Amino acid sequence: MAIVHIEGTDFDKEVRTSKTPVIVDFYADWCGPCKMLSPIFEELSGEYAGKLKFAKLNTDNAQRLAMEYNVSGIPCLIVMSQGKEVGRIVGYVPKPMLKAKVDALLSQVKN
């Protein structure tokens, strides 16, 4: 499944009104840990196809949204369902740990 690169203008359509839970990667191009997390995020997008939508949002281009979601450190992955935050993962996390955290957050999602 492809990762959706979103801008501030399509956040509502891609995230808030999505029928599928969404994990949003708040990142910046200059961020070293963000660059390290990116290939893991890409791999997981294929593993969760149909269960979880993957989106990336550059905080430099969407500062208002980063502030709205109180993103103070990046990378910051926020899992959302039906427009509400289910949970977040801040900082670089190795793939096995990230997968476990995502699974735990998804278990909280009501379908």
PDB file of N, CA and C in Angstrom:
ATOM      1  N   MET A   1       0.861  -1.183   0.000  1.00  0.00           N
ATOM      2  CA  MET A   1       0.000   0.000   0.000  1.00  0.00           C
ATOM      3  C   MET A   1       0.898   1.234   0.000  1.00  0.00           C
ATOM      4  N   ALA A   2       0.521   2.186  -0.765  1.00  0.00           N
ATOM      5  CA  ALA A   2       1.312   3.410  -0.881  1.00  0.00           C
ATOM      6  C   ALA A   2       1.097   4.313   0.322  1.00  0.00           C
ATOM      7  N   ILE A   3       2.121   5.076   0.608  1.00  0.00           N
ATOM      8  CA  ILE A   3       2.027   6.080   1.661  1.00  0.00           C
ATOM      9  C   ILE A   3       1.470   7.343   1.033  1.00  0.00           C
ATOM     10  N   VAL A   4       0.505   7.956   1.708  1.00  0.00           N
ATOM     11  CA  VAL A   4      -0.093   9.193   1.241  1.00  0.00           C
ATOM     12  C   VAL A   4       0.709  10.354   1.815  1.00  0.00           C
ATOM     13  N   HIS A   5       1.199  11.227   0.944  1.00  0.00           N
ATOM     14  CA  HIS A   5       1.886  12.444   1.393  1.00  0.00           C
ATOM     15  C   HIS A   5       0.842  13.544   1.431  1.00  0.00           C
ATOM     16  N   ILE A   6       0.576  14.028   2.633  1.00  0.00           N
ATOM     17  CA  ILE A   6      -0.505  14.997   2.778  1.00  0.00           C
ATOM     18  C   ILE A   6       0.028  16.382   3.105  1.00  0.00           C
ATOM     19  N   GLU A   7      -0.743  17.340   2.694  1.00  0.00           N
ATOM     20  CA  GLU A   7      -0.491  18.745   2.999  1.00  0.00           C
ATOM     21  C   GLU A   7      -1.593  19.165   3.965  1.00  0.00           C
ATOM     22  N   GLY A   8      -1.489  20.328   4.466  1.00  0.00           N
ATOM     23  CA  GLY A   8      -2.510  20.810   5.387  1.00  0.00           C
ATOM     24  C   GLY A   8      -3.904  20.828   4.793  1.00  0.00           C
ATOM     25  N   THR A   9      -4.012  21.113   3.498  1.00  0.00           N
ATOM     26  CA  THR A   9      -5.320  21.281   2.864  1.00  0.00           C
ATOM     27  C   THR A   9      -6.085  19.972   2.706  1.00  0.00           C
ATOM     28  N   ASP A  10      -5.393  18.835   2.626  1.00  0.00           N
ATOM     29  CA  ASP A  10      -6.100  17.564   2.435  1.00  0.00           C
ATOM     30  C   ASP A  10      -6.096  16.696   3.694  1.00  0.00           C
ATOM     31  N   PHE A  11      -5.725  17.274   4.834  1.00  0.00           N
ATOM     32  CA  PHE A  11      -5.668  16.527   6.091  1.00  0.00           C
ATOM     33  C   PHE A  11      -7.048  16.000   6.477  1.00  0.00           C
ATOM     34  N   ASP A  12      -8.065  16.843   6.361  1.00  0.00           N
ATOM     35  CA  ASP A  12      -9.424  16.397   6.711  1.00  0.00           C
ATOM     36  C   ASP A  12      -9.836  15.194   5.882  1.00  0.00           C
ATOM     37  N   LYS A  13      -9.657  15.294   4.571  1.00  0.00           N
ATOM     38  CA  LYS A  13     -10.083  14.216   3.660  1.00  0.00           C
ATOM     39  C   LYS A  13      -9.285  12.935   3.907  1.00  0.00           C
ATOM     40  N   GLU A  14      -7.990  13.049   4.068  1.00  0.00           N
ATOM     41  CA  GLU A  14      -7.129  11.863   4.166  1.00  0.00           C
ATOM     42  C   GLU A  14      -7.068  11.266   5.573  1.00  0.00           C
ATOM     43  N   VAL A  15      -7.278  12.094   6.598  1.00  0.00           N
ATOM     44  CA  VAL A  15      -7.096  11.613   7.966  1.00  0.00           C
ATOM     45  C   VAL A  15      -8.388  11.679   8.779  1.00  0.00           C
ATOM     46  N   ARG A  16      -8.919  12.862   8.951  1.00  0.00           N
ATOM     47  CA  ARG A  16     -10.052  13.029   9.870  1.00  0.00           C
ATOM     48  C   ARG A  16     -11.304  12.273   9.438  1.00  0.00           C
ATOM     49  N   THR A  17     -11.557  12.180   8.148  1.00  0.00           N
ATOM     50  CA  THR A  17     -12.778  11.510   7.686  1.00  0.00           C
ATOM     51  C   THR A  17     -12.510  10.127   7.106  1.00  0.00           C
ATOM     52  N   SER A  18     -11.310   9.613   7.281  1.00  0.00           N
ATOM     53  CA  SER A  18     -10.963   8.292   6.752  1.00  0.00           C
ATOM     54  C   SER A  18     -11.754   7.199   7.466  1.00  0.00           C
ATOM     55  N   LYS A  19     -12.277   6.261   6.698  1.00  0.00           N
ATOM     56  CA  LYS A  19     -13.006   5.118   7.267  1.00  0.00           C
ATOM     57  C   LYS A  19     -12.030   4.119   7.896  1.00  0.00           C
ATOM     58  N   THR A  20     -10.799   4.119   7.410  1.00  0.00           N
ATOM     59  CA  THR A  20      -9.746   3.237   7.909  1.00  0.00           C
ATOM     60  C   THR A  20      -8.910   4.013   8.923  1.00  0.00           C
ATOM     61  N   PRO A  21      -8.468   3.379  10.004  1.00  0.00           N
ATOM     62  CA  PRO A  21      -7.551   4.069  10.912  1.00  0.00           C
ATOM     63  C   PRO A  21      -6.315   4.543  10.142  1.00  0.00           C
ATOM     64  N   VAL A  22      -5.731   5.645  10.593  1.00  0.00           N
ATOM     65  CA  VAL A  22      -4.601   6.263   9.899  1.00  0.00           C
ATOM     66  C   VAL A  22      -3.450   6.451  10.884  1.00  0.00           C
ATOM     67  N   ILE A  23      -2.228   6.183  10.420  1.00  0.00           N
ATOM     68  CA  ILE A  23      -1.047   6.544  11.195  1.00  0.00           C
ATOM     69  C   ILE A  23      -0.351   7.654  10.418  1.00  0.00           C
ATOM     70  N   VAL A  24      -0.195   8.796  11.070  1.00  0.00           N
ATOM     71  CA  VAL A  24       0.402   9.966  10.432  1.00  0.00           C
ATOM     72  C   VAL A  24       1.814  10.157  10.978  1.00  0.00           C
ATOM     73  N   ASP A  25       2.774  10.199  10.073  1.00  0.00           N
ATOM     74  CA  ASP A  25       4.165  10.463  10.427  1.00  0.00           C
ATOM     75  C   ASP A  25       4.416  11.960  10.279  1.00  0.00           C
ATOM     76  N   PHE A  26       4.495  12.655  11.413  1.00  0.00           N
ATOM     77  CA  PHE A  26       4.866  14.069  11.413  1.00  0.00           C
ATOM     78  C   PHE A  26       6.393  14.088  11.381  1.00  0.00           C
ATOM     79  N   TYR A  27       6.971  14.640  10.331  1.00  0.00           N
ATOM     80  CA  TYR A  27       8.417  14.575  10.111  1.00  0.00           C
ATOM     81  C   TYR A  27       8.913  15.880   9.494  1.00  0.00           C
ATOM     82  N   ALA A  28      10.237  15.970   9.335  1.00  0.00           N
ATOM     83  CA  ALA A  28      10.856  17.067   8.582  1.00  0.00           C
ATOM     84  C   ALA A  28      12.030  16.485   7.796  1.00  0.00           C
ATOM     85  N   ASP A  29      12.293  17.071   6.642  1.00  0.00           N
ATOM     86  CA  ASP A  29      13.363  16.578   5.776  1.00  0.00           C
ATOM     87  C   ASP A  29      14.739  16.645   6.422  1.00  0.00           C
ATOM     88  N   TRP A  30      14.970  17.600   7.310  1.00  0.00           N
ATOM     89  CA  TRP A  30      16.266  17.797   7.942  1.00  0.00           C
ATOM     90  C   TRP A  30      16.488  16.907   9.167  1.00  0.00           C
ATOM     91  N   CYS A  31      15.487  16.177   9.586  1.00  0.00           N
ATOM     92  CA  CYS A  31      15.502  15.395  10.829  1.00  0.00           C
ATOM     93  C   CYS A  31      16.157  14.027  10.623  1.00  0.00           C
ATOM     94  N   GLY A  32      17.297  13.797  11.281  1.00  0.00           N
ATOM     95  CA  GLY A  32      18.008  12.522  11.161  1.00  0.00           C
ATOM     96  C   GLY A  32      17.188  11.317  11.595  1.00  0.00           C
ATOM     97  N   PRO A  33      16.585  11.332  12.805  1.00  0.00           N
ATOM     98  CA  PRO A  33      15.763  10.197  13.218  1.00  0.00           C
ATOM     99  C   PRO A  33      14.569   9.947  12.277  1.00  0.00           C
ATOM    100  N   CYS A  34      14.037  11.028  11.689  1.00  0.00           N
ATOM    101  CA  CYS A  34      12.936  10.883  10.724  1.00  0.00           C
ATOM    102  C   CYS A  34      13.412  10.083   9.507  1.00  0.00           C
ATOM    103  N   LYS A  35      14.612  10.397   9.035  1.00  0.00           N
ATOM    104  CA  LYS A  35      15.183   9.694   7.880  1.00  0.00           C
ATOM    105  C   LYS A  35      15.425   8.227   8.207  1.00  0.00           C
ATOM    106  N   MET A  36      15.832   7.931   9.441  1.00  0.00           N
ATOM    107  CA  MET A  36      16.059   6.548   9.853  1.00  0.00           C
ATOM    108  C   MET A  36      14.742   5.782   9.939  1.00  0.00           C
ATOM    109  N   LEU A  37      13.675   6.449  10.339  1.00  0.00           N
ATOM    110  CA  LEU A  37      12.379   5.806  10.504  1.00  0.00           C
ATOM    111  C   LEU A  37      11.666   5.594   9.169  1.00  0.00           C
ATOM    112  N   SER A  38      11.955   6.417   8.198  1.00  0.00           N
ATOM    113  CA  SER A  38      11.223   6.405   6.927  1.00  0.00           C
ATOM    114  C   SER A  38      11.166   5.033   6.243  1.00  0.00           C
ATOM    115  N   PRO A  39      12.286   4.293   6.091  1.00  0.00           N
ATOM    116  CA  PRO A  39      12.180   2.983   5.427  1.00  0.00           C
ATOM    117  C   PRO A  39      11.372   1.973   6.243  1.00  0.00           C
ATOM    118  N   ILE A  40      11.403   2.088   7.561  1.00  0.00           N
ATOM    119  CA  ILE A  40      10.603   1.189   8.411  1.00  0.00           C
ATOM    120  C   ILE A  40       9.128   1.496   8.222  1.00  0.00           C
ATOM    121  N   PHE A  41       8.794   2.776   8.188  1.00  0.00           N
ATOM    122  CA  PHE A  41       7.411   3.217   7.958  1.00  0.00           C
ATOM    123  C   PHE A  41       6.920   2.679   6.612  1.00  0.00           C
ATOM    124  N   GLU A  42       7.788   2.761   5.596  1.00  0.00           N
ATOM    125  CA  GLU A  42       7.465   2.256   4.251  1.00  0.00           C
ATOM    126  C   GLU A  42       7.189   0.751   4.287  1.00  0.00           C
ATOM    127  N   GLU A  43       8.044  -0.014   4.959  1.00  0.00           N
ATOM    128  CA  GLU A  43       7.859  -1.466   5.065  1.00  0.00           C
ATOM    129  C   GLU A  43       6.538  -1.801   5.751  1.00  0.00           C
ATOM    130  N   LEU A  44       6.276  -1.130   6.856  1.00  0.00           N
ATOM    131  CA  LEU A  44       5.051  -1.415   7.602  1.00  0.00           C
ATOM    132  C   LEU A  44       3.802  -1.065   6.807  1.00  0.00           C
ATOM    133  N   SER A  45       3.894  -0.075   5.928  1.00  0.00           N
ATOM    134  CA  SER A  45       2.716   0.297   5.130  1.00  0.00           C
ATOM    135  C   SER A  45       2.239  -0.887   4.295  1.00  0.00           C
ATOM    136  N   GLY A  46       3.166  -1.717   3.832  1.00  0.00           N
ATOM    137  CA  GLY A  46       2.787  -2.923   3.082  1.00  0.00           C
ATOM    138  C   GLY A  46       2.221  -4.005   3.985  1.00  0.00           C
ATOM    139  N   GLU A  47       2.765  -4.126   5.182  1.00  0.00           N
ATOM    140  CA  GLU A  47       2.336  -5.170   6.114  1.00  0.00           C
ATOM    141  C   GLU A  47       0.943  -4.913   6.687  1.00  0.00           C
ATOM    142  N   TYR A  48       0.541  -3.661   6.742  1.00  0.00           N
ATOM    143  CA  TYR A  48      -0.763  -3.315   7.315  1.00  0.00           C
ATOM    144  C   TYR A  48      -1.789  -2.911   6.250  1.00  0.00           C
ATOM    145  N   ALA A  49      -1.508  -3.234   5.005  1.00  0.00           N
ATOM    146  CA  ALA A  49      -2.410  -2.866   3.903  1.00  0.00           C
ATOM    147  C   ALA A  49      -3.835  -3.320   4.204  1.00  0.00           C
ATOM    148  N   GLY A  50      -4.767  -2.388   4.064  1.00  0.00           N
ATOM    149  CA  GLY A  50      -6.174  -2.689   4.295  1.00  0.00           C
ATOM    150  C   GLY A  50      -6.607  -2.520   5.747  1.00  0.00           C
ATOM    151  N   LYS A  51      -5.653  -2.510   6.683  1.00  0.00           N
ATOM    152  CA  LYS A  51      -5.976  -2.379   8.103  1.00  0.00           C
ATOM    153  C   LYS A  51      -5.646  -1.001   8.646  1.00  0.00           C
ATOM    154  N   LEU A  52      -4.631  -0.374   8.037  1.00  0.00           N
ATOM    155  CA  LEU A  52      -4.139   0.902   8.536  1.00  0.00           C
ATOM    156  C   LEU A  52      -3.603   1.709   7.359  1.00  0.00           C
ATOM    157  N   LYS A  53      -4.060   2.941   7.270  1.00  0.00           N
ATOM    158  CA  LYS A  53      -3.609   3.848   6.216  1.00  0.00           C
ATOM    159  C   LYS A  53      -2.376   4.593   6.717  1.00  0.00           C
ATOM    160  N   PHE A  54      -1.355   4.701   5.886  1.00  0.00           N
ATOM    161  CA  PHE A  54      -0.108   5.371   6.261  1.00  0.00           C
ATOM    162  C   PHE A  54      -0.013   6.719   5.553  1.00  0.00           C
ATOM    163  N   ALA A  55       0.268   7.763   6.328  1.00  0.00           N
ATOM    164  CA  ALA A  55       0.366   9.115   5.776  1.00  0.00           C
ATOM    165  C   ALA A  55       1.578   9.815   6.360  1.00  0.00           C
ATOM    166  N   LYS A  56       2.183  10.685   5.565  1.00  0.00           N
ATOM    167  CA  LYS A  56       3.319  11.487   6.013  1.00  0.00           C
ATOM    168  C   LYS A  56       2.953  12.959   5.878  1.00  0.00           C
ATOM    169  N   LEU A  57       3.343  13.734   6.897  1.00  0.00           N
ATOM    170  CA  LEU A  57       3.051  15.162   6.907  1.00  0.00           C
ATOM    171  C   LEU A  57       4.322  15.910   7.310  1.00  0.00           C
ATOM    172  N   ASN A  58       4.841  16.719   6.404  1.00  0.00           N
ATOM    173  CA  ASN A  58       6.047  17.498   6.672  1.00  0.00           C
ATOM    174  C   ASN A  58       5.677  18.670   7.568  1.00  0.00           C
ATOM    175  N   THR A  59       6.225  18.680   8.785  1.00  0.00           N
ATOM    176  CA  THR A  59       5.861  19.716   9.749  1.00  0.00           C
ATOM    177  C   THR A  59       6.332  21.107   9.331  1.00  0.00           C
ATOM    178  N   ASP A  60       7.363  21.178   8.505  1.00  0.00           N
ATOM    179  CA  ASP A  60       7.821  22.484   8.020  1.00  0.00           C
ATOM    180  C   ASP A  60       6.783  23.118   7.099  1.00  0.00           C
ATOM    181  N   ASN A  61       6.018  22.287   6.403  1.00  0.00           N
ATOM    182  CA  ASN A  61       5.009  22.775   5.461  1.00  0.00           C
ATOM    183  C   ASN A  61       3.618  22.868   6.086  1.00  0.00           C
ATOM    184  N   ALA A  62       3.445  22.294   7.264  1.00  0.00           N
ATOM    185  CA  ALA A  62       2.122  22.282   7.906  1.00  0.00           C
ATOM    186  C   ALA A  62       2.289  22.552   9.408  1.00  0.00           C
ATOM    187  N   GLN A  63       2.878  23.683   9.725  1.00  0.00           N
ATOM    188  CA  GLN A  63       3.144  24.024  11.119  1.00  0.00           C
ATOM    189  C   GLN A  63       1.873  24.164  11.943  1.00  0.00           C
ATOM    190  N   ARG A  64       0.811  24.643  11.321  1.00  0.00           N
ATOM    191  CA  ARG A  64      -0.459  24.806  12.040  1.00  0.00           C
ATOM    192  C   ARG A  64      -0.966  23.455  12.545  1.00  0.00           C
ATOM    193  N   LEU A  65      -0.900  22.423  11.696  1.00  0.00           N
ATOM    194  CA  LEU A  65      -1.356  21.099  12.105  1.00  0.00           C
ATOM    195  C   LEU A  65      -0.448  20.502  13.173  1.00  0.00           C
ATOM    196  N   ALA A  66       0.855  20.714  13.043  1.00  0.00           N
ATOM    197  CA  ALA A  66       1.787  20.220  14.063  1.00  0.00           C
ATOM    198  C   ALA A  66       1.461  20.854  15.411  1.00  0.00           C
ATOM    199  N   MET A  67       1.158  22.142  15.411  1.00  0.00           N
ATOM    200  CA  MET A  67       0.790  22.829  16.651  1.00  0.00           C
ATOM    201  C   MET A  67      -0.558  22.329  17.175  1.00  0.00           C
ATOM    202  N   GLU A  68      -1.512  22.140  16.275  1.00  0.00           N
ATOM    203  CA  GLU A  68      -2.844  21.677  16.669  1.00  0.00           C
ATOM    204  C   GLU A  68      -2.769  20.322  17.381  1.00  0.00           C
ATOM    205  N   TYR A  69      -1.860  19.456  16.918  1.00  0.00           N
ATOM    206  CA  TYR A  69      -1.711  18.123  17.511  1.00  0.00           C
ATOM    207  C   TYR A  69      -0.591  18.078  18.557  1.00  0.00           C
ATOM    208  N   ASN A  70      -0.118  19.239  18.984  1.00  0.00           N
ATOM    209  CA  ASN A  70       0.906  19.339  20.026  1.00  0.00           C
ATOM    210  C   ASN A  70       2.135  18.483  19.725  1.00  0.00           C
ATOM    211  N   VAL A  71       2.565  18.520  18.476  1.00  0.00           N
ATOM    212  CA  VAL A  71       3.768  17.795  18.087  1.00  0.00           C
ATOM    213  C   VAL A  71       4.959  18.667  18.468  1.00  0.00           C
ATOM    214  N   SER A  72       5.693  18.235  19.487  1.00  0.00           N
ATOM    215  CA  SER A  72       6.833  19.019  19.951  1.00  0.00           C
ATOM    216  C   SER A  72       8.160  18.332  19.651  1.00  0.00           C
ATOM    217  N   GLY A  73       8.113  17.069  19.265  1.00  0.00           N
ATOM    218  CA  GLY A  73       9.311  16.336  18.873  1.00  0.00           C
ATOM    219  C   GLY A  73       8.994  15.465  17.673  1.00  0.00           C
ATOM    220  N   ILE A  74       9.960  15.337  16.774  1.00  0.00           N
ATOM    221  CA  ILE A  74       9.755  14.506  15.592  1.00  0.00           C
ATOM    222  C   ILE A  74      10.887  13.490  15.490  1.00  0.00           C
ATOM    223  N   PRO A  75      10.649  12.364  14.866  1.00  0.00           N
ATOM    224  CA  PRO A  75       9.382  11.947  14.271  1.00  0.00           C
ATOM    225  C   PRO A  75       8.324  11.701  15.348  1.00  0.00           C
ATOM    226  N   CYS A  76       7.092  11.970  14.974  1.00  0.00           N
ATOM    227  CA  CYS A  76       5.947  11.733  15.850  1.00  0.00           C
ATOM    228  C   CYS A  76       4.885  11.020  15.025  1.00  0.00           C
ATOM    229  N   LEU A  77       4.611   9.782  15.387  1.00  0.00           N
ATOM    230  CA  LEU A  77       3.596   9.003  14.688  1.00  0.00           C
ATOM    231  C   LEU A  77       2.316   9.046  15.511  1.00  0.00           C
ATOM    232  N   ILE A  78       1.244   9.529  14.906  1.00  0.00           N
ATOM    233  CA  ILE A  78      -0.039   9.604  15.601  1.00  0.00           C
ATOM    234  C   ILE A  78      -1.022   8.678  14.896  1.00  0.00           C
ATOM    235  N   VAL A  79      -1.595   7.752  15.668  1.00  0.00           N
ATOM    236  CA  VAL A  79      -2.616   6.852  15.136  1.00  0.00           C
ATOM    237  C   VAL A  79      -3.962   7.487  15.415  1.00  0.00           C
ATOM    238  N   MET A  80      -4.762   7.607  14.345  1.00  0.00           N
ATOM    239  CA  MET A  80      -6.079   8.232  14.468  1.00  0.00           C
ATOM    240  C   MET A  80      -7.151   7.309  13.911  1.00  0.00           C
ATOM    241  N   SER A  81      -8.301   7.335  14.555  1.00  0.00           N
ATOM    242  CA  SER A  81      -9.449   6.577  14.091  1.00  0.00           C
ATOM    243  C   SER A  81     -10.682   7.445  14.239  1.00  0.00           C
ATOM    244  N   GLN A  82     -11.456   7.551  13.194  1.00  0.00           N
ATOM    245  CA  GLN A  82     -12.674   8.348  13.180  1.00  0.00           C
ATOM    246  C   GLN A  82     -12.404   9.777  13.651  1.00  0.00           C
ATOM    247  N   GLY A  83     -11.258  10.323  13.215  1.00  0.00           N
ATOM    248  CA  GLY A  83     -10.915  11.700  13.504  1.00  0.00           C
ATOM    249  C   GLY A  83     -10.348  11.956  14.886  1.00  0.00           C
ATOM    250  N   LYS A  84     -10.211  10.915  15.698  1.00  0.00           N
ATOM    251  CA  LYS A  84      -9.721  11.076  17.066  1.00  0.00           C
ATOM    252  C   LYS A  84      -8.376  10.360  17.232  1.00  0.00           C
ATOM    253  N   GLU A  85      -7.508  10.968  18.039  1.00  0.00           N
ATOM    254  CA  GLU A  85      -6.213  10.351  18.316  1.00  0.00           C
ATOM    255  C   GLU A  85      -6.387   9.136  19.221  1.00  0.00           C
ATOM    256  N   VAL A  86      -5.795   8.015  18.797  1.00  0.00           N
ATOM    257  CA  VAL A  86      -5.810   6.791  19.588  1.00  0.00           C
ATOM    258  C   VAL A  86      -4.544   6.727  20.443  1.00  0.00           C
ATOM    259  N   GLY A  87      -3.441   7.208  19.870  1.00  0.00           N
ATOM    260  CA  GLY A  87      -2.181   7.210  20.595  1.00  0.00           C
ATOM    261  C   GLY A  87      -1.066   7.720  19.706  1.00  0.00           C
ATOM    262  N   ARG A  88       0.130   7.882  20.308  1.00  0.00           N
ATOM    263  CA  ARG A  88       1.252   8.393  19.539  1.00  0.00           C
ATOM    264  C   ARG A  88       2.545   7.722  19.966  1.00  0.00           C
ATOM    265  N   ILE A  89       3.482   7.731  19.035  1.00  0.00           N
ATOM    266  CA  ILE A  89       4.816   7.186  19.240  1.00  0.00           C
ATOM    267  C   ILE A  89       5.779   8.292  18.836  1.00  0.00           C
ATOM    268  N   VAL A  90       6.613   8.735  19.776  1.00  0.00           N
ATOM    269  CA  VAL A  90       7.521   9.849  19.503  1.00  0.00           C
ATOM    270  C   VAL A  90       8.951   9.339  19.476  1.00  0.00           C
ATOM    271  N   GLY A  91       9.688   9.777  18.459  1.00  0.00           N
ATOM    272  CA  GLY A  91      11.091   9.410  18.338  1.00  0.00           C
ATOM    273  C   GLY A  91      11.292   8.178  17.469  1.00  0.00           C
ATOM    274  N   TYR A  92      12.562   7.909  17.169  1.00  0.00           N
ATOM    275  CA  TYR A  92      12.897   6.740  16.372  1.00  0.00           C
ATOM    276  C   TYR A  92      12.659   5.477  17.206  1.00  0.00           C
ATOM    277  N   VAL A  93      12.028   4.475  16.589  1.00  0.00           N
ATOM    278  CA  VAL A  93      11.781   3.194  17.237  1.00  0.00           C
ATOM    279  C   VAL A  93      12.156   2.099  16.239  1.00  0.00           C
ATOM    280  N   PRO A  94      12.938   1.075  16.654  1.00  0.00           N
ATOM    281  CA  PRO A  94      13.260  -0.028  15.753  1.00  0.00           C
ATOM    282  C   PRO A  94      11.988  -0.756  15.308  1.00  0.00           C
ATOM    283  N   LYS A  95      12.043  -1.395  14.161  1.00  0.00           N
ATOM    284  CA  LYS A  95      10.856  -2.000  13.555  1.00  0.00           C
ATOM    285  C   LYS A  95      10.091  -2.945  14.483  1.00  0.00           C
ATOM    286  N   PRO A  96      10.739  -3.921  15.158  1.00  0.00           N
ATOM    287  CA  PRO A  96       9.945  -4.828  16.005  1.00  0.00           C
ATOM    288  C   PRO A  96       9.179  -4.096  17.107  1.00  0.00           C
ATOM    289  N   MET A  97       9.813  -3.109  17.712  1.00  0.00           N
ATOM    290  CA  MET A  97       9.164  -2.345  18.777  1.00  0.00           C
ATOM    291  C   MET A  97       8.037  -1.477  18.206  1.00  0.00           C
ATOM    292  N   LEU A  98       8.278  -0.873  17.044  1.00  0.00           N
ATOM    293  CA  LEU A  98       7.260  -0.044  16.410  1.00  0.00           C
ATOM    294  C   LEU A  98       6.043  -0.878  16.047  1.00  0.00           C
ATOM    295  N   LYS A  99       6.275  -2.060  15.493  1.00  0.00           N
ATOM    296  CA  LYS A  99       5.184  -2.958  15.110  1.00  0.00           C
ATOM    297  C   LYS A  99       4.361  -3.340  16.348  1.00  0.00           C
ATOM    298  N   ALA A 100       5.019  -3.633  17.453  1.00  0.00           N
ATOM    299  CA  ALA A 100       4.318  -3.985  18.689  1.00  0.00           C
ATOM    300  C   ALA A 100       3.479  -2.813  19.198  1.00  0.00           C
ATOM    301  N   LYS A 101       4.031  -1.611  19.126  1.00  0.00           N
ATOM    302  CA  LYS A 101       3.284  -0.430  19.585  1.00  0.00           C
ATOM    303  C   LYS A 101       2.086  -0.151  18.687  1.00  0.00           C
ATOM    304  N   VAL A 102       2.283  -0.297  17.365  1.00  0.00           N
ATOM    305  CA  VAL A 102       1.177  -0.078  16.421  1.00  0.00           C
ATOM    306  C   VAL A 102       0.076  -1.110  16.667  1.00  0.00           C
ATOM    307  N   ASP A 103       0.469  -2.373  16.859  1.00  0.00           N
ATOM    308  CA  ASP A 103      -0.524  -3.420  17.136  1.00  0.00           C
ATOM    309  C   ASP A 103      -1.317  -3.106  18.403  1.00  0.00           C
ATOM    310  N   ALA A 104      -0.631  -2.632  19.441  1.00  0.00           N
ATOM    311  CA  ALA A 104      -1.307  -2.295  20.693  1.00  0.00           C
ATOM    312  C   ALA A 104      -2.295  -1.146  20.490  1.00  0.00           C
ATOM    313  N   LEU A 105      -1.889  -0.140  19.704  1.00  0.00           N
ATOM    314  CA  LEU A 105      -2.794   0.978  19.439  1.00  0.00           C
ATOM    315  C   LEU A 105      -3.988   0.545  18.591  1.00  0.00           C
ATOM    316  N   LEU A 106      -3.724  -0.300  17.589  1.00  0.00           N
ATOM    317  CA  LEU A 106      -4.816  -0.773  16.723  1.00  0.00           C
ATOM    318  C   LEU A 106      -5.827  -1.605  17.512  1.00  0.00           C
ATOM    319  N   SER A 107      -5.369  -2.301  18.550  1.00  0.00           N
ATOM    320  CA  SER A 107      -6.280  -3.119  19.357  1.00  0.00           C
ATOM    321  C   SER A 107      -7.286  -2.250  20.113  1.00  0.00           C
ATOM    322  N   GLN A 108      -6.978  -0.963  20.251  1.00  0.00           N
ATOM    323  CA  GLN A 108      -7.883  -0.039  20.930  1.00  0.00           C
ATOM    324  C   GLN A 108      -8.946   0.562  19.994  1.00  0.00           C
ATOM    325  N   VAL A 109      -8.761   0.364  18.699  1.00  0.00           N
ATOM    326  CA  VAL A 109      -9.652   0.964  17.701  1.00  0.00           C
ATOM    327  C   VAL A 109     -10.951   0.166  17.640  1.00  0.00           C
ATOM    328  N   LYS A 110     -12.061   0.885  17.729  1.00  0.00           N
ATOM    329  CA  LYS A 110     -13.388   0.263  17.603  1.00  0.00           C
ATOM    330  C   LYS A 110     -13.797   0.310  16.134  1.00  0.00           C
ATOM    331  N   ASN A 111     -14.155  -0.824  15.596  1.00  0.00           N
ATOM    332  CA  ASN A 111     -14.592  -0.874  14.183  1.00  0.00           C
ATOM    333  C   ASN A 111     -16.093  -0.804  14.070  1.00  0.00           C
TER     334      ASN A 111
END
